[in-house]
Amino acid sequence: MQVNDVIVVTGAAGFIGSYLTGFLNSQGYNNLILVDDFGKEEKLHNLEHKKYLHKIHREDFFDWEEAHPGYVKCIFHLGARTDTTEMNYAVHKKWNLDYSIRVWELCVRYKIPLVYASSAATYGGGEHGYKDDHQIPGDLHPLNPYGVSKNEFDIWALEQKHRPPFWAGLKFFNVYGPNEYHKGRMGSVVMHAFNQISKTGEAKLFRSHNPHYKDGEQIRDFIYVKDVVQICTWLMQTKPASGLYNTGTGTARTFKDLVKAIFSTLNLPENIQYIDTPIDIRDKYQYFTEADMNKLLASGYPHTFYTLEEGVKEYVSEYLSSGRYY
């Protein structure tokens, strides 16, 4: 990946896609083709002050690529339907499976390296652990249609004889950070807790409905978005072995730890209230996730990850407190 290469970012107006766009700009990559539906006004703030060549509607991207063969040097496919409460599988199939297959086939045809977004939601309840082993996806049982669609594409990709010259499917764990303001209910707990604390002085966390976990001690592998895009670009630049890669920190923390970090950053006393987990997600709720990061680290990944306290402090103090975008 050279500075003058033309790079495609799908989902470019979204949370991670827009952050990646800004990160690439900061590294000198300005020849970007941004792909999204660009329909939500609030998402367009994510692209303010970004440098790029063109914005292309996601429905028009494939025709555009056919008209510009050899132009694109790599694709970061981060566009997806990410609403875990959307129970209509057809919606997820259209954008997370069928659309991704078209992107893959385009990369095969024009020999374009591909990094795409998978998800830790593919691991379901964690019965088979959280190891990015290629033998596991067929045995996984995701807890919602979103996770099913992501896992089905991973399985499909692993079965293909014809592949891009390099490909990596990144199983994103719990990502938080700037440019997620538009996500509403699907925003990170950091954003929601900060907003609650700012308005009422207290944070609300889901009560545990699992006897093995105390309230607030549900555990997640939280990863700061800056680490996510660092992994994305390192993989594309270095091109180690193709395949699935976990994208977490390898260190799981509780939601209580996360909220305490927000109170600490704001210099406020801790005030946590517990509410019932909504019925529509209660039986699909993950109580523990932790990425096995050995594959990425064994590939030579050189960067250390933000700790939860470091990431929350930067996000709260430099972005949430002022409403600033990256």
Protein backbone atom coordinates (compact mmCIF):
# COMPACT_ATOMS: atom_id res chain seq x y z
CA MET A 1 0.00 0.00 0.00
CA GLN A 2 1.72 3.14 -1.27
CA VAL A 3 0.77 6.74 -0.45
CA ASN A 4 -0.31 7.41 -4.05
CA ASP A 5 -2.44 4.25 -4.32
CA VAL A 6 -6.18 4.58 -4.84
CA ILE A 7 -7.90 3.00 -1.84
CA VAL A 8 -11.58 2.15 -1.42
CA VAL A 9 -13.28 2.42 1.97
CA THR A 10 -16.84 1.08 2.13
CA GLY A 11 -19.05 2.18 5.00
CA ALA A 12 -16.98 5.37 4.85
CA ALA A 13 -19.60 7.60 6.47
CA GLY A 14 -20.04 5.24 9.40
CA PHE A 15 -18.20 4.98 12.69
CA ILE A 16 -15.13 2.87 11.91
CA GLY A 17 -15.08 3.69 8.20
CA SER A 18 -14.91 7.45 8.79
CA TYR A 19 -12.28 7.02 11.49
CA LEU A 20 -10.22 4.89 9.09
CA THR A 21 -10.62 7.59 6.43
CA GLY A 22 -9.24 10.22 8.80
CA PHE A 23 -6.45 7.91 9.94
CA LEU A 24 -5.42 7.21 6.34
CA ASN A 25 -5.39 10.97 5.69
CA SER A 26 -3.12 11.43 8.73
CA GLN A 27 -0.71 8.88 7.20
CA GLY A 28 -0.64 10.74 3.87
CA TYR A 29 -3.25 8.65 2.01
CA ASN A 30 -5.63 11.05 0.28
CA ASN A 31 -6.48 9.10 -2.90
CA LEU A 32 -9.57 7.57 -1.37
CA ILE A 33 -12.82 6.37 -2.90
CA LEU A 34 -15.53 6.56 -0.23
CA VAL A 35 -18.47 4.19 -0.61
CA ASP A 36 -21.68 4.35 1.44
CA ASP A 37 -25.34 5.25 1.05
CA PHE A 38 -24.64 8.79 2.42
CA GLY A 39 -28.33 9.00 3.28
CA LYS A 40 -28.18 9.93 6.96
CA GLU A 41 -27.52 13.62 7.46
CA GLU A 42 -25.95 13.04 10.89
CA LYS A 43 -23.41 10.61 9.41
CA LEU A 44 -22.11 13.20 6.97
CA HIS A 45 -20.47 15.11 9.86
CA ASN A 46 -18.09 12.14 10.08
CA LEU A 47 -16.60 13.12 6.71
CA GLU A 48 -16.10 16.82 7.33
CA HIS A 49 -12.52 17.93 6.62
CA LYS A 50 -11.61 14.50 5.22
CA LYS A 51 -9.60 14.30 1.97
CA TYR A 52 -10.75 11.94 -0.80
CA LEU A 53 -11.17 11.64 -4.57
CA HIS A 54 -14.81 10.60 -4.89
CA LYS A 55 -17.89 9.64 -2.92
CA ILE A 56 -19.84 6.80 -4.57
CA HIS A 57 -23.20 5.41 -3.52
CA ARG A 58 -22.90 1.78 -2.49
CA GLU A 59 -25.41 0.69 -5.15
CA ASP A 60 -23.27 2.31 -7.87
CA PHE A 61 -19.88 1.08 -6.70
CA PHE A 62 -19.66 -2.09 -8.78
CA ASP A 63 -20.54 -0.31 -12.03
CA TRP A 64 -17.98 2.35 -11.16
CA GLU A 65 -15.28 -0.27 -10.57
CA GLU A 66 -16.07 -2.04 -13.84
CA ALA A 67 -15.54 1.30 -15.59
CA HIS A 68 -12.17 1.84 -13.86
CA PRO A 69 -10.33 -1.51 -14.04
CA GLY A 70 -6.88 -1.48 -12.49
CA TYR A 71 -7.53 1.85 -10.76
CA VAL A 72 -8.09 0.57 -7.21
CA LYS A 73 -5.12 -0.91 -5.32
CA CYS A 74 -6.86 -2.14 -2.16
CA ILE A 75 -10.28 -2.23 -0.49
CA PHE A 76 -11.28 -1.83 3.15
CA HIS A 77 -14.81 -3.24 3.20
CA LEU A 78 -16.31 -1.93 6.45
CA GLY A 79 -19.85 -1.27 5.20
CA ALA A 80 -22.49 -3.45 6.85
CA ARG A 81 -25.88 -3.52 8.52
CA THR A 82 -24.78 -3.63 12.16
CA ASP A 83 -28.07 -3.39 14.08
CA THR A 84 -28.05 -6.44 16.35
CA THR A 85 -31.71 -5.86 17.24
CA GLU A 86 -32.83 -6.14 13.58
CA MET A 87 -34.36 -9.61 13.49
CA ASN A 88 -35.19 -9.66 9.77
CA TYR A 89 -32.41 -11.86 8.42
CA ALA A 90 -33.10 -10.78 4.83
CA VAL A 91 -31.79 -7.29 5.64
CA HIS A 92 -28.51 -8.66 7.02
CA LYS A 93 -28.19 -11.17 4.19
CA LYS A 94 -28.48 -8.40 1.60
CA TRP A 95 -25.79 -6.13 3.04
CA ASN A 96 -23.54 -8.41 5.08
CA LEU A 97 -23.47 -11.53 2.94
CA ASP A 98 -24.61 -10.87 -0.64
CA TYR A 99 -22.95 -7.45 -0.94
CA SER A 100 -19.73 -8.78 0.60
CA ILE A 101 -19.68 -11.66 -1.88
CA ARG A 102 -19.82 -9.13 -4.71
CA VAL A 103 -16.93 -7.19 -3.18
CA TRP A 104 -14.90 -10.40 -2.85
CA GLU A 105 -15.59 -11.42 -6.45
CA LEU A 106 -14.57 -7.97 -7.65
CA CYS A 107 -11.30 -8.27 -5.71
CA VAL A 108 -10.65 -11.68 -7.26
CA ARG A 109 -11.34 -10.42 -10.77
CA TYR A 110 -9.06 -7.39 -10.50
CA LYS A 111 -6.50 -8.86 -8.06
CA ILE A 112 -7.25 -6.33 -5.32
CA PRO A 113 -6.18 -7.00 -1.70
CA LEU A 114 -9.15 -6.98 0.68
CA VAL A 115 -9.61 -6.30 4.39
CA TYR A 116 -13.22 -6.74 5.51
CA ALA A 117 -15.18 -6.39 8.74
CA SER A 118 -16.39 -9.55 10.37
CA SER A 119 -17.51 -9.53 14.02
CA ALA A 120 -17.04 -11.15 17.41
CA ALA A 121 -20.82 -11.66 17.25
CA THR A 122 -19.96 -14.71 15.13
CA TYR A 123 -18.78 -16.47 18.31
CA GLY A 124 -22.27 -16.56 19.79
CA GLY A 125 -22.29 -17.54 23.45
CA GLY A 126 -18.62 -18.50 23.36
CA GLU A 127 -19.21 -22.25 23.58
CA HIS A 128 -16.24 -22.80 21.25
CA GLY A 129 -14.09 -20.06 22.71
CA TYR A 130 -12.84 -16.94 20.93
CA LYS A 131 -10.00 -18.24 18.79
CA ASP A 132 -9.75 -17.12 15.14
CA ASP A 133 -9.17 -20.70 14.01
CA HIS A 134 -10.38 -21.50 10.48
CA GLN A 135 -11.78 -24.84 11.66
CA ILE A 136 -14.29 -23.21 14.01
CA PRO A 137 -16.73 -21.03 11.97
CA GLY A 138 -18.85 -23.96 10.79
CA ASP A 139 -19.51 -24.96 14.41
CA LEU A 140 -20.42 -21.51 15.70
CA HIS A 141 -23.95 -20.49 16.70
CA PRO A 142 -24.33 -16.68 16.63
CA LEU A 143 -27.09 -15.29 18.83
CA ASN A 144 -28.73 -12.94 16.30
CA PRO A 145 -29.23 -12.52 12.53
CA TYR A 146 -26.41 -9.96 12.36
CA GLY A 147 -23.91 -12.46 13.77
CA VAL A 148 -25.30 -15.22 11.54
CA SER A 149 -24.77 -13.13 8.40
CA LYS A 150 -21.20 -12.25 9.38
CA ASN A 151 -20.37 -15.86 10.15
CA GLU A 152 -21.90 -17.08 6.90
CA PHE A 153 -19.64 -14.76 4.94
CA ASP A 154 -16.58 -15.95 6.88
CA ILE A 155 -17.53 -19.56 6.07
CA TRP A 156 -18.15 -18.68 2.42
CA ALA A 157 -14.77 -16.90 2.16
CA LEU A 158 -12.89 -19.84 3.65
CA GLU A 159 -14.49 -22.21 1.13
CA GLN A 160 -13.43 -20.24 -1.93
CA LYS A 161 -10.82 -21.56 -4.34
CA HIS A 162 -10.48 -18.19 -6.05
CA ARG A 163 -9.32 -15.54 -3.62
CA PRO A 164 -7.93 -11.99 -3.62
CA PRO A 165 -4.12 -11.79 -3.61
CA PHE A 166 -4.43 -11.00 0.10
CA TRP A 167 -7.50 -11.01 2.32
CA ALA A 168 -8.21 -10.59 6.01
CA GLY A 169 -11.57 -10.86 7.78
CA LEU A 170 -11.42 -8.92 11.04
CA LYS A 171 -13.58 -10.13 13.91
CA PHE A 172 -14.24 -6.80 15.63
CA PHE A 173 -14.90 -7.06 19.36
CA ASN A 174 -16.48 -4.16 21.32
CA VAL A 175 -15.26 -1.07 19.49
CA TYR A 176 -15.70 2.41 20.98
CA GLY A 177 -14.46 5.86 20.04
CA PRO A 178 -15.22 9.10 18.18
CA ASN A 179 -17.53 9.32 15.15
CA GLU A 180 -20.16 6.96 16.59
CA TYR A 181 -22.50 9.81 17.54
CA HIS A 182 -25.08 8.79 14.92
CA LYS A 183 -25.42 5.18 16.07
CA GLY A 184 -28.19 5.72 18.62
CA ARG A 185 -29.06 2.54 20.49
CA MET A 186 -26.18 0.71 18.78
CA GLY A 187 -23.60 3.16 20.12
CA SER A 188 -20.99 2.01 22.60
CA VAL A 189 -21.61 1.83 26.34
CA VAL A 190 -18.93 4.52 26.73
CA MET A 191 -21.00 7.00 24.71
CA HIS A 192 -24.30 6.12 26.40
CA ALA A 193 -22.83 6.19 29.91
CA PHE A 194 -21.11 9.53 29.27
CA ASN A 195 -24.40 11.04 28.07
CA GLN A 196 -26.24 9.70 31.11
CA ILE A 197 -23.60 10.96 33.54
CA SER A 198 -23.57 14.38 31.88
CA LYS A 199 -27.35 14.73 32.26
CA THR A 200 -28.08 13.02 35.58
CA GLY A 201 -24.80 12.34 37.37
CA GLU A 202 -25.41 8.58 37.20
CA ALA A 203 -24.76 5.77 34.74
CA LYS A 204 -27.12 2.92 33.98
CA LEU A 205 -25.85 -0.61 33.33
CA PHE A 206 -27.77 -3.76 32.54
CA ARG A 207 -28.56 -5.97 35.50
CA SER A 208 -27.18 -9.49 35.18
CA HIS A 209 -29.73 -12.20 34.42
CA ASN A 210 -27.06 -14.89 34.66
CA PRO A 211 -26.28 -16.30 38.12
CA HIS A 212 -22.60 -16.65 37.23
CA TYR A 213 -22.16 -12.88 36.83
CA LYS A 214 -22.86 -10.07 39.28
CA ASP A 215 -24.55 -6.87 38.14
CA GLY A 216 -22.11 -4.78 36.10
CA GLU A 217 -19.59 -7.59 35.92
CA GLN A 218 -20.55 -8.80 32.47
CA ILE A 219 -17.23 -8.92 30.63
CA ARG A 220 -16.21 -7.65 27.19
CA ASP A 221 -13.05 -7.16 25.18
CA PHE A 222 -13.31 -3.40 24.63
CA ILE A 223 -11.07 -2.01 21.90
CA TYR A 224 -10.46 1.65 21.07
CA VAL A 225 -11.19 2.51 17.43
CA LYS A 226 -7.65 3.87 16.97
CA ASP A 227 -6.32 0.35 17.61
CA VAL A 228 -8.84 -1.10 15.16
CA VAL A 229 -7.72 1.08 12.25
CA GLN A 230 -4.08 0.52 13.19
CA ILE A 231 -4.68 -3.22 12.76
CA CYS A 232 -6.55 -2.68 9.47
CA THR A 233 -3.76 -0.64 7.90
CA TRP A 234 -0.94 -2.81 9.26
CA LEU A 235 -2.50 -5.92 7.75
CA MET A 236 -2.95 -4.22 4.38
CA GLN A 237 0.61 -2.86 4.39
CA THR A 238 2.31 -6.01 5.69
CA LYS A 239 0.10 -8.72 4.18
CA PRO A 240 0.88 -11.66 6.46
CA ALA A 241 -1.00 -14.93 5.93
CA SER A 242 -4.53 -14.39 4.61
CA GLY A 243 -7.44 -15.38 6.81
CA LEU A 244 -9.56 -14.44 9.81
CA TYR A 245 -8.07 -12.24 12.53
CA ASN A 246 -9.52 -11.35 15.90
CA THR A 247 -9.56 -7.60 16.49
CA GLY A 248 -9.63 -7.02 20.21
CA THR A 249 -7.07 -6.39 22.92
CA GLY A 250 -6.95 -9.88 24.41
CA THR A 251 -7.85 -8.45 27.82
CA ALA A 252 -11.50 -8.57 28.87
CA ARG A 253 -12.87 -6.02 31.36
CA THR A 254 -16.19 -5.49 33.10
CA PHE A 255 -18.77 -2.87 32.25
CA LYS A 256 -18.31 -1.61 35.79
CA ASP A 257 -14.60 -1.01 35.05
CA LEU A 258 -15.57 0.93 31.95
CA VAL A 259 -18.02 3.20 33.75
CA LYS A 260 -15.58 3.77 36.61
CA ALA A 261 -13.05 4.98 34.03
CA ILE A 262 -15.57 7.55 32.77
CA PHE A 263 -16.30 8.85 36.28
CA SER A 264 -12.56 9.03 36.95
CA THR A 265 -11.91 11.01 33.76
CA LEU A 266 -14.69 13.45 34.68
CA ASN A 267 -13.49 13.68 38.31
CA LEU A 268 -16.97 12.71 39.53
CA PRO A 269 -18.04 10.27 42.26
CA GLU A 270 -19.15 6.85 41.04
CA ASN A 271 -22.93 6.51 40.80
CA ILE A 272 -24.09 3.36 38.98
CA GLN A 273 -27.70 2.21 38.74
CA TYR A 274 -28.76 -1.16 37.34
CA ILE A 275 -31.70 -1.74 34.98
CA ASP A 276 -33.15 -4.91 33.48
CA THR A 277 -31.69 -6.01 30.18
CA PRO A 278 -34.34 -5.37 27.49
CA ILE A 279 -36.46 -8.42 26.74
CA ASP A 280 -35.69 -8.30 22.99
CA ILE A 281 -31.98 -8.95 23.57
CA ARG A 282 -31.96 -10.70 26.96
CA ASP A 283 -31.78 -14.28 25.67
CA LYS A 284 -29.17 -13.29 23.06
CA TYR A 285 -26.89 -11.42 25.43
CA GLN A 286 -23.18 -12.27 25.62
CA TYR A 287 -21.84 -12.28 29.19
CA PHE A 288 -18.20 -12.85 28.29
CA THR A 289 -16.03 -12.13 25.27
CA GLU A 290 -12.24 -12.04 25.06
CA ALA A 291 -10.27 -12.14 21.84
CA ASP A 292 -7.47 -14.66 21.44
CA MET A 293 -4.92 -12.34 19.81
CA ASN A 294 -2.12 -14.87 19.33
CA LYS A 295 -2.51 -15.11 15.55
CA LEU A 296 -2.12 -11.37 14.95
CA LEU A 297 0.74 -11.05 17.41
CA ALA A 298 2.52 -14.09 15.94
CA SER A 299 2.24 -12.39 12.53
CA GLY A 300 4.49 -9.64 13.86
CA TYR A 301 1.96 -6.97 14.83
CA PRO A 302 4.18 -4.43 16.61
CA HIS A 303 1.78 -2.04 18.36
CA THR A 304 0.55 -2.18 21.95
CA PHE A 305 -3.17 -1.69 22.58
CA TYR A 306 -4.77 1.12 24.51
CA THR A 307 -5.80 0.02 27.98
CA LEU A 308 -9.48 0.56 28.79
CA GLU A 309 -8.57 3.50 31.03
CA GLU A 310 -6.34 5.09 28.37
CA GLY A 311 -8.90 4.73 25.60
CA VAL A 312 -11.83 5.97 27.69
CA LYS A 313 -9.82 8.95 28.95
CA GLU A 314 -8.89 10.06 25.42
CA TYR A 315 -12.39 9.48 24.03
CA VAL A 316 -14.14 11.31 26.87
CA SER A 317 -11.73 14.21 27.28
CA GLU A 318 -10.88 14.89 23.63
CA TYR A 319 -14.14 13.99 21.88
CA LEU A 320 -17.27 13.31 23.95
CA SER A 321 -16.83 16.33 26.24
CA SER A 322 -16.74 18.67 23.24
CA GLY A 323 -18.72 16.69 20.66
CA ARG A 324 -15.66 16.77 18.41
CA TYR A 325 -15.28 14.41 15.46
CA TYR A 326 -12.09 12.72 14.38
